[in-house]
Each structure stands twice: as structure tokens, then as C-alpha cells.
Amino acid sequence: MLTTSAALNTNEAHRLIKRLCAHWSHKFTVETEDGLGRINFGDSRCLLTAKSEQLHIELDCPNEITAERMQQVVFDHLKRMAKTELTEPVWSTSNVECALGQ
């Protein structure tokens, strides 16, 4: 599993989480609580967290190609829902080895 994350500077993180989760709730399994959103895309998962003046995004994807696609999909949807312009995020990536059976 590949984990990629980014932080967006915005004062509307809570609102964006609610809107994005509501938007995708008809198609995917979504969980929301105050300042937190989880979206299960099937082979990929997205965690959104509101922190101070930032929106933290974490994606768990099966591979790099899927991660790049999901980064763009999530950011494109956030841009459409934002009241203010969002700056293109800088993504950091890490590989997570599955330790099942160890």
C-alpha cells in the first residue's frame, strides 16, 4: 500500500470536508465527524482532517499510478467546492509494507 499526503492552507477546511463527503456519499462509503472525513473508494481510501488553518489529506492507494490519479481527483473536487482559490498541494509519499502473518 502506498500512502501519500498533503496539506492545503485554507480557513474553510471543515466546510470542504462536509461538502466533499456529502458529494461522494451516494457512490462510496463515507464517514464524517467534526473536522474529520473518511472516503472509501474501494481500492483506495482518503482521510481528510481539519487542523487550524489547514486541510490535511491522506490517501492510501495500491500503487503509484492510482495514487497520482486519486491526488488529482480529490484536489479537483476540492477546488470546485472551495469559495477561495486553493494552491496546488505538494504531496509526500511513503510505501507501507503489509505485516500480516508476522
PDB file of N, CA and C in Angstrom:
ATOM      1  N   MET A   1       0.857  -1.179   0.000  1.00  0.00           N
ATOM      2  CA  MET A   1       0.000   0.000   0.000  1.00  0.00           C
ATOM      3  C   MET A   1       0.894   1.230   0.000  1.00  0.00           C
ATOM      4  N   LEU A   2       0.509   2.219  -0.758  1.00  0.00           N
ATOM      5  CA  LEU A   2       1.236   3.470  -0.867  1.00  0.00           C
ATOM      6  C   LEU A   2       0.432   4.556  -0.164  1.00  0.00           C
ATOM      7  N   THR A   3       1.055   5.309   0.711  1.00  0.00           N
ATOM      8  CA  THR A   3       0.387   6.409   1.405  1.00  0.00           C
ATOM      9  C   THR A   3       0.970   7.721   0.911  1.00  0.00           C
ATOM     10  N   THR A   4       0.093   8.632   0.538  1.00  0.00           N
ATOM     11  CA  THR A   4       0.517   9.950   0.077  1.00  0.00           C
ATOM     12  C   THR A   4      -0.293  11.002   0.829  1.00  0.00           C
ATOM     13  N   SER A   5       0.339  12.112   1.171  1.00  0.00           N
ATOM     14  CA  SER A   5      -0.356  13.120   1.973  1.00  0.00           C
ATOM     15  C   SER A   5       0.047  14.527   1.560  1.00  0.00           C
ATOM     16  N   ALA A   6      -0.833  15.463   1.895  1.00  0.00           N
ATOM     17  CA  ALA A   6      -0.587  16.871   1.594  1.00  0.00           C
ATOM     18  C   ALA A   6      -1.406  17.710   2.559  1.00  0.00           C
ATOM     19  N   ALA A   7      -1.040  18.984   2.676  1.00  0.00           N
ATOM     20  CA  ALA A   7      -1.792  19.933   3.498  1.00  0.00           C
ATOM     21  C   ALA A   7      -2.105  21.154   2.638  1.00  0.00           C
ATOM     22  N   LEU A   8      -3.359  21.579   2.698  1.00  0.00           N
ATOM     23  CA  LEU A   8      -3.787  22.771   1.980  1.00  0.00           C
ATOM     24  C   LEU A   8      -4.059  23.881   2.982  1.00  0.00           C
ATOM     25  N   ASN A   9      -3.531  25.062   2.718  1.00  0.00           N
ATOM     26  CA  ASN A   9      -3.818  26.210   3.569  1.00  0.00           C
ATOM     27  C   ASN A   9      -5.191  26.750   3.187  1.00  0.00           C
ATOM     28  N   THR A  10      -6.127  26.677   4.127  1.00  0.00           N
ATOM     29  CA  THR A  10      -7.477  27.176   3.905  1.00  0.00           C
ATOM     30  C   THR A  10      -8.173  27.381   5.241  1.00  0.00           C
ATOM     31  N   ASN A  11      -9.018  28.390   5.295  1.00  0.00           N
ATOM     32  CA  ASN A  11      -9.791  28.614   6.516  1.00  0.00           C
ATOM     33  C   ASN A  11     -11.174  27.974   6.409  1.00  0.00           C
ATOM     34  N   GLU A  12     -11.417  27.191   5.362  1.00  0.00           N
ATOM     35  CA  GLU A  12     -12.700  26.522   5.186  1.00  0.00           C
ATOM     36  C   GLU A  12     -12.584  25.000   5.184  1.00  0.00           C
ATOM     37  N   ALA A  13     -11.621  24.466   5.917  1.00  0.00           N
ATOM     38  CA  ALA A  13     -11.374  23.019   5.937  1.00  0.00           C
ATOM     39  C   ALA A  13     -12.600  22.226   6.388  1.00  0.00           C
ATOM     40  N   HIS A  14     -13.251  22.655   7.455  1.00  0.00           N
ATOM     41  CA  HIS A  14     -14.430  21.932   7.962  1.00  0.00           C
ATOM     42  C   HIS A  14     -15.527  21.869   6.899  1.00  0.00           C
ATOM     43  N   ARG A  15     -15.782  22.982   6.250  1.00  0.00           N
ATOM     44  CA  ARG A  15     -16.826  23.047   5.229  1.00  0.00           C
ATOM     45  C   ARG A  15     -16.471  22.171   4.034  1.00  0.00           C
ATOM     46  N   LEU A  16     -15.222  22.205   3.615  1.00  0.00           N
ATOM     47  CA  LEU A  16     -14.796  21.384   2.476  1.00  0.00           C
ATOM     48  C   LEU A  16     -14.929  19.891   2.766  1.00  0.00           C
ATOM     49  N   ILE A  17     -14.597  19.490   3.973  1.00  0.00           N
ATOM     50  CA  ILE A  17     -14.738  18.078   4.351  1.00  0.00           C
ATOM     51  C   ILE A  17     -16.210  17.667   4.263  1.00  0.00           C
ATOM     52  N   LYS A  18     -17.087  18.466   4.834  1.00  0.00           N
ATOM     53  CA  LYS A  18     -18.520  18.150   4.806  1.00  0.00           C
ATOM     54  C   LYS A  18     -19.043  18.072   3.370  1.00  0.00           C
ATOM     55  N   ARG A  19     -18.666  19.033   2.539  1.00  0.00           N
ATOM     56  CA  ARG A  19     -19.156  19.060   1.155  1.00  0.00           C
ATOM     57  C   ARG A  19     -18.618  17.889   0.344  1.00  0.00           C
ATOM     58  N   LEU A  20     -17.324  17.607   0.473  1.00  0.00           N
ATOM     59  CA  LEU A  20     -16.737  16.518  -0.313  1.00  0.00           C
ATOM     60  C   LEU A  20     -17.322  15.177   0.101  1.00  0.00           C
ATOM     61  N   CYS A  21     -17.483  14.967   1.388  1.00  0.00           N
ATOM     62  CA  CYS A  21     -18.062  13.708   1.869  1.00  0.00           C
ATOM     63  C   CYS A  21     -19.522  13.578   1.434  1.00  0.00           C
ATOM     64  N   ALA A  22     -20.277  14.655   1.510  1.00  0.00           N
ATOM     65  CA  ALA A  22     -21.671  14.612   1.059  1.00  0.00           C
ATOM     66  C   ALA A  22     -21.738  14.330  -0.438  1.00  0.00           C
ATOM     67  N   HIS A  23     -20.851  14.938  -1.195  1.00  0.00           N
ATOM     68  CA  HIS A  23     -20.815  14.752  -2.654  1.00  0.00           C
ATOM     69  C   HIS A  23     -20.586  13.292  -3.022  1.00  0.00           C
ATOM     70  N   TRP A  24     -19.669  12.631  -2.328  1.00  0.00           N
ATOM     71  CA  TRP A  24     -19.323  11.261  -2.679  1.00  0.00           C
ATOM     72  C   TRP A  24     -20.120  10.211  -1.909  1.00  0.00           C
ATOM     73  N   SER A  25     -20.968  10.627  -0.984  1.00  0.00           N
ATOM     74  CA  SER A  25     -21.685   9.652  -0.152  1.00  0.00           C
ATOM     75  C   SER A  25     -22.677   8.796  -0.933  1.00  0.00           C
ATOM     76  N   HIS A  26     -23.128   9.269  -2.074  1.00  0.00           N
ATOM     77  CA  HIS A  26     -24.075   8.486  -2.877  1.00  0.00           C
ATOM     78  C   HIS A  26     -23.391   7.365  -3.651  1.00  0.00           C
ATOM     79  N   LYS A  27     -22.067   7.446  -3.771  1.00  0.00           N
ATOM     80  CA  LYS A  27     -21.326   6.492  -4.601  1.00  0.00           C
ATOM     81  C   LYS A  27     -20.357   5.617  -3.798  1.00  0.00           C
ATOM     82  N   PHE A  28     -19.857   6.150  -2.679  1.00  0.00           N
ATOM     83  CA  PHE A  28     -18.836   5.468  -1.889  1.00  0.00           C
ATOM     84  C   PHE A  28     -19.234   5.436  -0.412  1.00  0.00           C
ATOM     85  N   THR A  29     -18.557   4.584   0.356  1.00  0.00           N
ATOM     86  CA  THR A  29     -18.756   4.560   1.796  1.00  0.00           C
ATOM     87  C   THR A  29     -18.021   5.757   2.397  1.00  0.00           C
ATOM     88  N   VAL A  30     -18.757   6.561   3.144  1.00  0.00           N
ATOM     89  CA  VAL A  30     -18.219   7.811   3.690  1.00  0.00           C
ATOM     90  C   VAL A  30     -18.545   7.881   5.177  1.00  0.00           C
ATOM     91  N   GLU A  31     -17.597   8.371   5.965  1.00  0.00           N
ATOM     92  CA  GLU A  31     -17.808   8.639   7.384  1.00  0.00           C
ATOM     93  C   GLU A  31     -17.371  10.070   7.658  1.00  0.00           C
ATOM     94  N   THR A  32     -18.176  10.792   8.425  1.00  0.00           N
ATOM     95  CA  THR A  32     -17.784  12.146   8.814  1.00  0.00           C
ATOM     96  C   THR A  32     -18.060  12.360  10.290  1.00  0.00           C
ATOM     97  N   GLU A  33     -17.214  13.132  10.900  1.00  0.00           N
ATOM     98  CA  GLU A  33     -17.424  13.645  12.239  1.00  0.00           C
ATOM     99  C   GLU A  33     -16.799  15.020  12.244  1.00  0.00           C
ATOM    100  N   ASP A  34     -16.910  15.730  13.323  1.00  0.00           N
ATOM    101  CA  ASP A  34     -16.436  17.108  13.366  1.00  0.00           C
ATOM    102  C   ASP A  34     -14.962  17.207  12.972  1.00  0.00           C
ATOM    103  N   GLY A  35     -14.694  17.824  11.826  1.00  0.00           N
ATOM    104  CA  GLY A  35     -13.331  18.055  11.380  1.00  0.00           C
ATOM    105  C   GLY A  35     -12.627  16.847  10.802  1.00  0.00           C
ATOM    106  N   LEU A  36     -13.390  15.786  10.506  1.00  0.00           N
ATOM    107  CA  LEU A  36     -12.776  14.560  10.002  1.00  0.00           C
ATOM    108  C   LEU A  36     -13.687  13.914   8.969  1.00  0.00           C
ATOM    109  N   GLY A  37     -13.104  13.446   7.874  1.00  0.00           N
ATOM    110  CA  GLY A  37     -13.870  12.740   6.859  1.00  0.00           C
ATOM    111  C   GLY A  37     -13.077  11.564   6.320  1.00  0.00           C
ATOM    112  N   ARG A  38     -13.766  10.452   6.106  1.00  0.00           N
ATOM    113  CA  ARG A  38     -13.146   9.263   5.524  1.00  0.00           C
ATOM    114  C   ARG A  38     -13.968   8.845   4.313  1.00  0.00           C
ATOM    115  N   ILE A  39     -13.289   8.584   3.205  1.00  0.00           N
ATOM    116  CA  ILE A  39     -13.955   8.149   1.988  1.00  0.00           C
ATOM    117  C   ILE A  39     -13.272   6.874   1.522  1.00  0.00           C
ATOM    118  N   ASN A  40     -14.058   5.817   1.340  1.00  0.00           N
ATOM    119  CA  ASN A  40     -13.521   4.538   0.875  1.00  0.00           C
ATOM    120  C   ASN A  40     -13.883   4.401  -0.600  1.00  0.00           C
ATOM    121  N   PHE A  41     -12.872   4.489  -1.470  1.00  0.00           N
ATOM    122  CA  PHE A  41     -13.070   4.402  -2.913  1.00  0.00           C
ATOM    123  C   PHE A  41     -12.976   2.962  -3.426  1.00  0.00           C
ATOM    124  N   GLY A  42     -12.916   1.998  -2.535  1.00  0.00           N
ATOM    125  CA  GLY A  42     -12.728   0.605  -2.945  1.00  0.00           C
ATOM    126  C   GLY A  42     -11.279   0.209  -2.768  1.00  0.00           C
ATOM    127  N   ASP A  43     -10.476   0.394  -3.808  1.00  0.00           N
ATOM    128  CA  ASP A  43      -9.049   0.046  -3.704  1.00  0.00           C
ATOM    129  C   ASP A  43      -8.219   1.147  -3.064  1.00  0.00           C
ATOM    130  N   SER A  44      -8.805   2.327  -2.870  1.00  0.00           N
ATOM    131  CA  SER A  44      -8.104   3.464  -2.264  1.00  0.00           C
ATOM    132  C   SER A  44      -8.979   4.074  -1.171  1.00  0.00           C
ATOM    133  N   ARG A  45      -8.319   4.742  -0.219  1.00  0.00           N
ATOM    134  CA  ARG A  45      -9.035   5.414   0.865  1.00  0.00           C
ATOM    135  C   ARG A  45      -8.474   6.822   1.038  1.00  0.00           C
ATOM    136  N   CYS A  46      -9.353   7.724   1.475  1.00  0.00           N
ATOM    137  CA  CYS A  46      -8.972   9.116   1.696  1.00  0.00           C
ATOM    138  C   CYS A  46      -9.371   9.519   3.109  1.00  0.00           C
ATOM    139  N   LEU A  47      -8.450  10.138   3.817  1.00  0.00           N
ATOM    140  CA  LEU A  47      -8.703  10.685   5.140  1.00  0.00           C
ATOM    141  C   LEU A  47      -8.501  12.195   5.058  1.00  0.00           C
ATOM    142  N   LEU A  48      -9.514  12.960   5.464  1.00  0.00           N
ATOM    143  CA  LEU A  48      -9.454  14.418   5.464  1.00  0.00           C
ATOM    144  C   LEU A  48      -9.555  14.895   6.904  1.00  0.00           C
ATOM    145  N   THR A  49      -8.644  15.779   7.304  1.00  0.00           N
ATOM    146  CA  THR A  49      -8.623  16.275   8.672  1.00  0.00           C
ATOM    147  C   THR A  49      -8.472  17.794   8.664  1.00  0.00           C
ATOM    148  N   ALA A  50      -9.345  18.476   9.387  1.00  0.00           N
ATOM    149  CA  ALA A  50      -9.251  19.932   9.531  1.00  0.00           C
ATOM    150  C   ALA A  50      -8.374  20.245  10.734  1.00  0.00           C
ATOM    151  N   LYS A  51      -7.335  21.025  10.493  1.00  0.00           N
ATOM    152  CA  LYS A  51      -6.433  21.433  11.575  1.00  0.00           C
ATOM    153  C   LYS A  51      -6.126  22.912  11.417  1.00  0.00           C
ATOM    154  N   SER A  52      -6.555  23.696  12.375  1.00  0.00           N
ATOM    155  CA  SER A  52      -6.298  25.122  12.389  1.00  0.00           C
ATOM    156  C   SER A  52      -6.675  25.735  11.043  1.00  0.00           C
ATOM    157  N   GLU A  53      -5.739  26.255  10.313  1.00  0.00           N
ATOM    158  CA  GLU A  53      -5.990  26.883   9.008  1.00  0.00           C
ATOM    159  C   GLU A  53      -5.546  25.971   7.869  1.00  0.00           C
ATOM    160  N   GLN A  54      -5.622  24.658   8.079  1.00  0.00           N
ATOM    161  CA  GLN A  54      -5.190  23.707   7.052  1.00  0.00           C
ATOM    162  C   GLN A  54      -6.171  22.550   6.916  1.00  0.00           C
ATOM    163  N   LEU A  55      -6.186  21.996   5.723  1.00  0.00           N
ATOM    164  CA  LEU A  55      -6.895  20.761   5.445  1.00  0.00           C
ATOM    165  C   LEU A  55      -5.843  19.720   5.109  1.00  0.00           C
ATOM    166  N   HIS A  56      -5.744  18.686   5.938  1.00  0.00           N
ATOM    167  CA  HIS A  56      -4.789  17.602   5.706  1.00  0.00           C
ATOM    168  C   HIS A  56      -5.482  16.493   4.929  1.00  0.00           C
ATOM    169  N   ILE A  57      -4.807  16.025   3.906  1.00  0.00           N
ATOM    170  CA  ILE A  57      -5.337  14.962   3.053  1.00  0.00           C
ATOM    171  C   ILE A  57      -4.352  13.801   3.092  1.00  0.00           C
ATOM    172  N   GLU A  58      -4.873  12.604   3.333  1.00  0.00           N
ATOM    173  CA  GLU A  58      -4.048  11.394   3.299  1.00  0.00           C
ATOM    174  C   GLU A  58      -4.753  10.365   2.419  1.00  0.00           C
ATOM    175  N   LEU A  59      -4.025   9.861   1.440  1.00  0.00           N
ATOM    176  CA  LEU A  59      -4.559   8.846   0.533  1.00  0.00           C
ATOM    177  C   LEU A  59      -3.785   7.552   0.695  1.00  0.00           C
ATOM    178  N   ASP A  60      -4.501   6.449   0.823  1.00  0.00           N
ATOM    179  CA  ASP A  60      -3.903   5.114   0.811  1.00  0.00           C
ATOM    180  C   ASP A  60      -4.321   4.470  -0.501  1.00  0.00           C
ATOM    181  N   CYS A  61      -3.348   4.129  -1.337  1.00  0.00           N
ATOM    182  CA  CYS A  61      -3.618   3.603  -2.676  1.00  0.00           C
ATOM    183  C   CYS A  61      -2.763   2.361  -2.926  1.00  0.00           C
ATOM    184  N   PRO A  62      -3.222   1.477  -3.828  1.00  0.00           N
ATOM    185  CA  PRO A  62      -2.475   0.245  -4.069  1.00  0.00           C
ATOM    186  C   PRO A  62      -1.160   0.443  -4.810  1.00  0.00           C
ATOM    187  N   ASN A  63      -1.020   1.543  -5.570  1.00  0.00           N
ATOM    188  CA  ASN A  63       0.207   1.756  -6.345  1.00  0.00           C
ATOM    189  C   ASN A  63       0.358   3.233  -6.711  1.00  0.00           C
ATOM    190  N   GLU A  64       1.487   3.559  -7.314  1.00  0.00           N
ATOM    191  CA  GLU A  64       1.810   4.947  -7.634  1.00  0.00           C
ATOM    192  C   GLU A  64       0.878   5.534  -8.695  1.00  0.00           C
ATOM    193  N   ILE A  65       0.512   4.744  -9.678  1.00  0.00           N
ATOM    194  CA  ILE A  65      -0.379   5.241 -10.738  1.00  0.00           C
ATOM    195  C   ILE A  65      -1.735   5.627 -10.153  1.00  0.00           C
ATOM    196  N   THR A  66      -2.276   4.773  -9.312  1.00  0.00           N
ATOM    197  CA  THR A  66      -3.559   5.071  -8.663  1.00  0.00           C
ATOM    198  C   THR A  66      -3.422   6.280  -7.747  1.00  0.00           C
ATOM    199  N   ALA A  67      -2.317   6.369  -7.020  1.00  0.00           N
ATOM    200  CA  ALA A  67      -2.098   7.499  -6.109  1.00  0.00           C
ATOM    201  C   ALA A  67      -2.091   8.825  -6.878  1.00  0.00           C
ATOM    202  N   GLU A  68      -1.384   8.874  -7.997  1.00  0.00           N
ATOM    203  CA  GLU A  68      -1.332  10.107  -8.790  1.00  0.00           C
ATOM    204  C   GLU A  68      -2.720  10.491  -9.298  1.00  0.00           C
ATOM    205  N   ARG A  69      -3.483   9.498  -9.742  1.00  0.00           N
ATOM    206  CA  ARG A  69      -4.833   9.760 -10.239  1.00  0.00           C
ATOM    207  C   ARG A  69      -5.729  10.252  -9.104  1.00  0.00           C
ATOM    208  N   MET A  70      -5.663   9.600  -7.946  1.00  0.00           N
ATOM    209  CA  MET A  70      -6.510   9.981  -6.816  1.00  0.00           C
ATOM    210  C   MET A  70      -6.137  11.355  -6.268  1.00  0.00           C
ATOM    211  N   GLN A  71      -4.853  11.683  -6.266  1.00  0.00           N
ATOM    212  CA  GLN A  71      -4.436  13.020  -5.839  1.00  0.00           C
ATOM    213  C   GLN A  71      -5.143  14.080  -6.676  1.00  0.00           C
ATOM    214  N   GLN A  72      -5.149  13.885  -7.986  1.00  0.00           N
ATOM    215  CA  GLN A  72      -5.760  14.855  -8.890  1.00  0.00           C
ATOM    216  C   GLN A  72      -7.275  14.888  -8.739  1.00  0.00           C
ATOM    217  N   VAL A  73      -7.899  13.725  -8.606  1.00  0.00           N
ATOM    218  CA  VAL A  73      -9.359  13.656  -8.458  1.00  0.00           C
ATOM    219  C   VAL A  73      -9.799  14.390  -7.188  1.00  0.00           C
ATOM    220  N   VAL A  74      -9.153  14.091  -6.066  1.00  0.00           N
ATOM    221  CA  VAL A  74      -9.532  14.723  -4.796  1.00  0.00           C
ATOM    222  C   VAL A  74      -9.301  16.224  -4.861  1.00  0.00           C
ATOM    223  N   PHE A  75      -8.153  16.649  -5.373  1.00  0.00           N
ATOM    224  CA  PHE A  75      -7.861  18.076  -5.424  1.00  0.00           C
ATOM    225  C   PHE A  75      -8.804  18.806  -6.382  1.00  0.00           C
ATOM    226  N   ASP A  76      -9.101  18.225  -7.528  1.00  0.00           N
ATOM    227  CA  ASP A  76     -10.038  18.851  -8.474  1.00  0.00           C
ATOM    228  C   ASP A  76     -11.407  19.072  -7.831  1.00  0.00           C
ATOM    229  N   HIS A  77     -11.890  18.079  -7.094  1.00  0.00           N
ATOM    230  CA  HIS A  77     -13.185  18.220  -6.431  1.00  0.00           C
ATOM    231  C   HIS A  77     -13.122  19.285  -5.330  1.00  0.00           C
ATOM    232  N   LEU A  78     -12.036  19.333  -4.578  1.00  0.00           N
ATOM    233  CA  LEU A  78     -11.901  20.354  -3.540  1.00  0.00           C
ATOM    234  C   LEU A  78     -11.884  21.755  -4.158  1.00  0.00           C
ATOM    235  N   LYS A  79     -11.192  21.921  -5.280  1.00  0.00           N
ATOM    236  CA  LYS A  79     -11.136  23.236  -5.943  1.00  0.00           C
ATOM    237  C   LYS A  79     -12.531  23.695  -6.345  1.00  0.00           C
ATOM    238  N   ARG A  80     -13.340  22.773  -6.868  1.00  0.00           N
ATOM    239  CA  ARG A  80     -14.696  23.132  -7.298  1.00  0.00           C
ATOM    240  C   ARG A  80     -15.575  23.544  -6.122  1.00  0.00           C
ATOM    241  N   MET A  81     -15.326  22.994  -4.955  1.00  0.00           N
ATOM    242  CA  MET A  81     -16.166  23.246  -3.792  1.00  0.00           C
ATOM    243  C   MET A  81     -15.693  24.416  -2.941  1.00  0.00           C
ATOM    244  N   ALA A  82     -14.472  24.855  -3.152  1.00  0.00           N
ATOM    245  CA  ALA A  82     -13.896  25.921  -2.327  1.00  0.00           C
ATOM    246  C   ALA A  82     -14.449  27.288  -2.733  1.00  0.00           C
ATOM    247  N   LYS A  83     -14.632  28.135  -1.747  1.00  0.00           N
ATOM    248  CA  LYS A  83     -15.056  29.516  -2.006  1.00  0.00           C
ATOM    249  C   LYS A  83     -13.863  30.373  -2.420  1.00  0.00           C
ATOM    250  N   THR A  84     -12.688  29.993  -1.971  1.00  0.00           N
ATOM    251  CA  THR A  84     -11.465  30.727  -2.311  1.00  0.00           C
ATOM    252  C   THR A  84     -10.547  29.805  -3.120  1.00  0.00           C
ATOM    253  N   GLU A  85      -9.586  30.398  -3.780  1.00  0.00           N
ATOM    254  CA  GLU A  85      -8.671  29.611  -4.599  1.00  0.00           C
ATOM    255  C   GLU A  85      -7.736  28.783  -3.715  1.00  0.00           C
ATOM    256  N   LEU A  86      -7.551  27.525  -4.096  1.00  0.00           N
ATOM    257  CA  LEU A  86      -6.636  26.640  -3.373  1.00  0.00           C
ATOM    258  C   LEU A  86      -5.347  26.491  -4.174  1.00  0.00           C
ATOM    259  N   THR A  87      -4.229  26.507  -3.470  1.00  0.00           N
ATOM    260  CA  THR A  87      -2.931  26.315  -4.101  1.00  0.00           C
ATOM    261  C   THR A  87      -2.678  24.835  -4.308  1.00  0.00           C
ATOM    262  N   GLU A  88      -2.073  24.497  -5.434  1.00  0.00           N
ATOM    263  CA  GLU A  88      -1.734  23.099  -5.745  1.00  0.00           C
ATOM    264  C   GLU A  88      -0.917  22.508  -4.594  1.00  0.00           C
ATOM    265  N   PRO A  89      -1.351  21.382  -4.055  1.00  0.00           N
ATOM    266  CA  PRO A  89      -0.634  20.799  -2.909  1.00  0.00           C
ATOM    267  C   PRO A  89       0.679  20.134  -3.316  1.00  0.00           C
ATOM    268  N   VAL A  90       1.588  20.066  -2.359  1.00  0.00           N
ATOM    269  CA  VAL A  90       2.823  19.302  -2.521  1.00  0.00           C
ATOM    270  C   VAL A  90       2.592  17.992  -1.786  1.00  0.00           C
ATOM    271  N   TRP A  91       2.635  16.892  -2.526  1.00  0.00           N
ATOM    272  CA  TRP A  91       2.356  15.572  -1.972  1.00  0.00           C
ATOM    273  C   TRP A  91       3.634  14.899  -1.516  1.00  0.00           C
ATOM    274  N   SER A  92       3.579  14.248  -0.367  1.00  0.00           N
ATOM    275  CA  SER A  92       4.695  13.408   0.085  1.00  0.00           C
ATOM    276  C   SER A  92       4.194  11.970   0.103  1.00  0.00           C
ATOM    277  N   THR A  93       5.069  11.055  -0.234  1.00  0.00           N
ATOM    278  CA  THR A  93       4.671   9.666  -0.408  1.00  0.00           C
ATOM    279  C   THR A  93       5.548   8.731   0.407  1.00  0.00           C
ATOM    280  N   SER A  94       4.907   7.669   0.930  1.00  0.00           N
ATOM    281  CA  SER A  94       5.663   6.622   1.618  1.00  0.00           C
ATOM    282  C   SER A  94       5.040   5.273   1.286  1.00  0.00           C
ATOM    283  N   ASN A  95       5.862   4.257   1.191  1.00  0.00           N
ATOM    284  CA  ASN A  95       5.385   2.902   0.974  1.00  0.00           C
ATOM    285  C   ASN A  95       5.150   2.258   2.321  1.00  0.00           C
ATOM    286  N   VAL A  96       4.033   1.570   2.462  1.00  0.00           N
ATOM    287  CA  VAL A  96       3.720   0.877   3.699  1.00  0.00           C
ATOM    288  C   VAL A  96       3.642  -0.611   3.386  1.00  0.00           C
ATOM    289  N   GLU A  97       4.518  -1.376   4.010  1.00  0.00           N
ATOM    290  CA  GLU A  97       4.528  -2.824   3.820  1.00  0.00           C
ATOM    291  C   GLU A  97       3.481  -3.456   4.711  1.00  0.00           C
ATOM    292  N   CYS A  98       2.762  -4.389   4.204  1.00  0.00           N
ATOM    293  CA  CYS A  98       1.773  -5.121   4.993  1.00  0.00           C
ATOM    294  C   CYS A  98       2.493  -6.160   5.845  1.00  0.00           C
ATOM    295  N   ALA A  99       2.249  -6.150   7.135  1.00  0.00           N
ATOM    296  CA  ALA A  99       2.947  -7.053   8.056  1.00  0.00           C
ATOM    297  C   ALA A  99       2.054  -8.210   8.493  1.00  0.00           C
ATOM    298  N   LEU A 100       1.082  -8.576   7.683  1.00  0.00           N
ATOM    299  CA  LEU A 100       0.205  -9.679   8.044  1.00  0.00           C
ATOM    300  C   LEU A 100       1.001 -10.975   8.162  1.00  0.00           C
ATOM    301  N   GLY A 101       0.682 -11.733   9.170  1.00  0.00           N
ATOM    302  CA  GLY A 101       1.326 -13.026   9.346  1.00  0.00           C
ATOM    303  C   GLY A 101       2.694 -12.967  10.007  1.00  0.00           C
ATOM    304  N   GLN A 102       3.125 -11.782  10.395  1.00  0.00           N
ATOM    305  CA  GLN A 102       4.445 -11.686  11.052  1.00  0.00           C
ATOM    306  C   GLN A 102       4.292 -11.543  12.538  1.00  0.00           C
TER     307      GLN A 102
END
